[in-house]
Amino acid sequence: MRRQQLIGRVVETFYLAGPQGLVLSLRHPKRDLRAFFPAHARQLEAFAQQQHLRFTSARDLCLLLTQLNAWLP
């Protein structure tokens, strides 16, 4: 996670590391995760809604990715 300050506003940038060492920037975490994991997109959104998690919070995003890892084979 990297923070940038733009005119009094903090913008957090999240990154996702893949198994082959590939690092992807999550500029729009909700949209990007749906694109990277289309088979689990609806399931992930439903989980986020049930647990009241936001895709823009570092803590919540960590919980979402932990759950996503549990669903992956």
Protein backbone atom coordinates (compact mmCIF):
# COMPACT_ATOMS: atom_id res chain seq x y z
CA MET A 1 0.00 0.00 0.00
CA ARG A 2 1.30 3.43 -0.90
CA ARG A 3 -0.21 6.74 0.18
CA GLN A 4 -0.15 9.89 -1.86
CA GLN A 5 -1.36 13.26 -0.70
CA LEU A 6 -3.14 15.33 -3.30
CA ILE A 7 -4.33 18.73 -2.15
CA GLY A 8 -5.23 17.63 1.36
CA ARG A 9 -6.65 14.28 0.29
CA VAL A 10 -4.96 10.94 0.91
CA VAL A 11 -5.21 8.42 -1.91
CA GLU A 12 -4.26 4.84 -1.10
CA THR A 13 -2.91 2.58 -3.82
CA PHE A 14 -3.21 -1.16 -3.29
CA TYR A 15 -1.21 -3.91 -4.96
CA LEU A 16 -1.91 -7.60 -5.50
CA ALA A 17 0.97 -10.07 -5.77
CA GLY A 18 0.46 -13.18 -7.87
CA PRO A 19 2.05 -16.60 -7.45
CA GLN A 20 4.58 -16.11 -10.26
CA GLY A 21 5.86 -12.84 -8.80
CA LEU A 22 3.53 -10.69 -10.87
CA VAL A 23 2.47 -7.52 -9.03
CA LEU A 24 -0.75 -5.81 -10.09
CA SER A 25 -1.90 -2.36 -9.08
CA LEU A 26 -5.47 -2.18 -7.80
CA ARG A 27 -6.39 1.31 -8.96
CA HIS A 28 -10.09 0.51 -8.55
CA PRO A 29 -10.09 -2.45 -6.14
CA LYS A 30 -13.70 -3.55 -6.60
CA ARG A 31 -13.59 -3.42 -10.39
CA ASP A 32 -10.08 -4.87 -10.61
CA LEU A 33 -10.82 -7.83 -8.33
CA ARG A 34 -13.94 -8.63 -10.36
CA ALA A 35 -11.81 -8.60 -13.51
CA PHE A 36 -9.00 -10.73 -12.03
CA PHE A 37 -11.36 -13.30 -10.44
CA PRO A 38 -14.53 -13.38 -12.58
CA ALA A 39 -15.57 -16.82 -11.30
CA HIS A 40 -15.81 -15.46 -7.74
CA ALA A 41 -16.96 -11.89 -8.46
CA ARG A 42 -20.57 -12.28 -7.31
CA GLN A 43 -19.58 -14.40 -4.35
CA LEU A 44 -17.00 -11.81 -3.26
CA GLU A 45 -19.46 -8.92 -3.57
CA ALA A 46 -22.09 -10.85 -1.61
CA PHE A 47 -19.55 -11.61 1.12
CA ALA A 48 -18.53 -7.95 1.29
CA GLN A 49 -22.14 -6.87 1.60
CA GLN A 50 -22.96 -9.46 4.29
CA GLN A 51 -19.91 -8.53 6.35
CA HIS A 52 -20.26 -4.77 5.72
CA LEU A 53 -16.81 -4.57 4.11
CA ARG A 54 -15.58 -1.87 1.75
CA PHE A 55 -13.21 -2.42 -1.14
CA THR A 56 -11.49 0.90 -0.38
CA SER A 57 -10.43 0.13 3.19
CA ALA A 58 -7.03 -1.54 3.65
CA ARG A 59 -8.31 -3.67 6.53
CA ASP A 60 -11.47 -4.69 4.69
CA LEU A 61 -9.58 -5.43 1.50
CA CYS A 62 -7.27 -7.73 3.45
CA LEU A 63 -10.29 -9.61 4.82
CA LEU A 64 -11.81 -9.87 1.35
CA LEU A 65 -8.59 -11.26 -0.12
CA THR A 66 -8.27 -13.74 2.74
CA GLN A 67 -11.77 -15.01 1.99
CA LEU A 68 -11.02 -15.09 -1.73
CA ASN A 69 -7.92 -17.21 -1.08
CA ALA A 70 -10.08 -19.65 0.87
CA TRP A 71 -12.36 -20.09 -2.16
CA LEU A 72 -9.54 -20.61 -4.65
CA PRO A 73 -8.39 -24.19 -5.35
